[in-house]
Amino acid sequence: MPNVEAHITGTVWKIECEVGQNIAEGDTVAILESMKMEMPVEAEDEGTVKEILVEEGQSVSEGDALVVLE
């Protein structure tokens, strides 16, 4: 199962997907905020959202898994 991971350290500003949603490669699954900039996190694989591992407002580090796809 591929994970969609944070590419920067920051705060989860908005979650752009929901469990059960079909995701295509390149779709935005979340938006992170770092140093007052909003940066989209895009899926590198296609699949269905199995689990969302973070909540809006949560701090994340680079490499943390945000979403699990199946």
Protein backbone atom coordinates (compact mmCIF):
# COMPACT_ATOMS: atom_id res chain seq x y z
CA MET A 1 0.00 0.00 0.00
CA PRO A 2 1.53 3.32 -1.00
CA ASN A 3 1.57 6.20 1.46
CA VAL A 4 1.33 9.87 0.56
CA GLU A 5 4.02 11.60 2.61
CA ALA A 6 4.73 15.18 3.67
CA HIS A 7 7.45 16.76 1.53
CA ILE A 8 8.10 19.53 4.07
CA THR A 9 7.85 20.10 7.82
CA GLY A 10 4.78 22.15 8.64
CA THR A 11 1.16 22.10 9.73
CA VAL A 12 -1.72 20.31 8.00
CA TRP A 13 -3.77 23.29 6.84
CA LYS A 14 -6.47 21.38 4.94
CA ILE A 15 -7.26 17.78 4.05
CA GLU A 16 -8.47 17.55 0.45
CA CYS A 17 -9.63 13.91 0.35
CA GLU A 18 -11.84 11.48 2.26
CA VAL A 19 -11.76 7.76 2.99
CA GLY A 20 -13.09 5.78 0.03
CA GLN A 21 -12.27 8.48 -2.52
CA ASN A 22 -10.48 7.45 -5.73
CA ILE A 23 -7.25 9.38 -6.20
CA ALA A 24 -5.31 9.80 -9.44
CA GLU A 25 -1.59 10.42 -9.67
CA GLY A 26 -1.05 14.16 -9.16
CA ASP A 27 -4.28 14.79 -7.21
CA THR A 28 -3.90 17.05 -4.17
CA VAL A 29 -4.67 15.10 -0.97
CA ALA A 30 -3.70 17.76 1.58
CA ILE A 31 -2.33 21.27 1.90
CA LEU A 32 0.52 21.97 4.29
CA GLU A 33 1.39 25.38 5.71
CA SER A 34 5.00 26.24 6.39
CA MET A 35 6.46 29.69 6.95
CA LYS A 36 3.09 31.24 5.97
CA MET A 37 3.13 29.48 2.59
CA GLU A 38 0.53 26.91 1.53
CA MET A 39 1.97 23.91 -0.31
CA PRO A 40 -0.16 21.14 -1.85
CA VAL A 41 0.77 17.51 -1.25
CA GLU A 42 0.05 15.45 -4.37
CA ALA A 43 -0.35 11.70 -4.68
CA GLU A 44 2.51 9.98 -6.50
CA ASP A 45 0.35 6.91 -7.19
CA GLU A 46 -3.30 6.30 -7.98
CA GLY A 47 -5.56 4.39 -5.64
CA THR A 48 -8.39 4.59 -3.15
CA VAL A 49 -7.97 6.43 0.15
CA LYS A 50 -7.89 3.70 2.82
CA GLU A 51 -6.94 5.84 5.81
CA ILE A 52 -6.17 9.47 6.66
CA LEU A 53 -3.43 9.51 9.29
CA VAL A 54 -3.48 13.23 10.21
CA GLU A 55 -5.94 15.93 11.23
CA GLU A 56 -6.17 19.56 10.21
CA GLY A 57 -3.97 21.67 12.49
CA GLN A 58 -1.57 18.79 13.23
CA SER A 59 2.18 19.37 12.94
CA VAL A 60 4.04 17.00 10.61
CA SER A 61 7.68 16.43 9.70
CA GLU A 62 9.13 15.83 6.27
CA GLY A 63 8.56 12.17 5.37
CA ASP A 64 5.58 11.61 7.69
CA ALA A 65 2.78 9.56 6.13
CA LEU A 66 -0.40 11.60 5.67
CA VAL A 67 -2.68 9.29 3.70
CA VAL A 68 -2.69 5.54 2.96
CA LEU A 69 -3.83 4.45 -0.51
CA GLU A 70 -4.81 0.94 -1.60
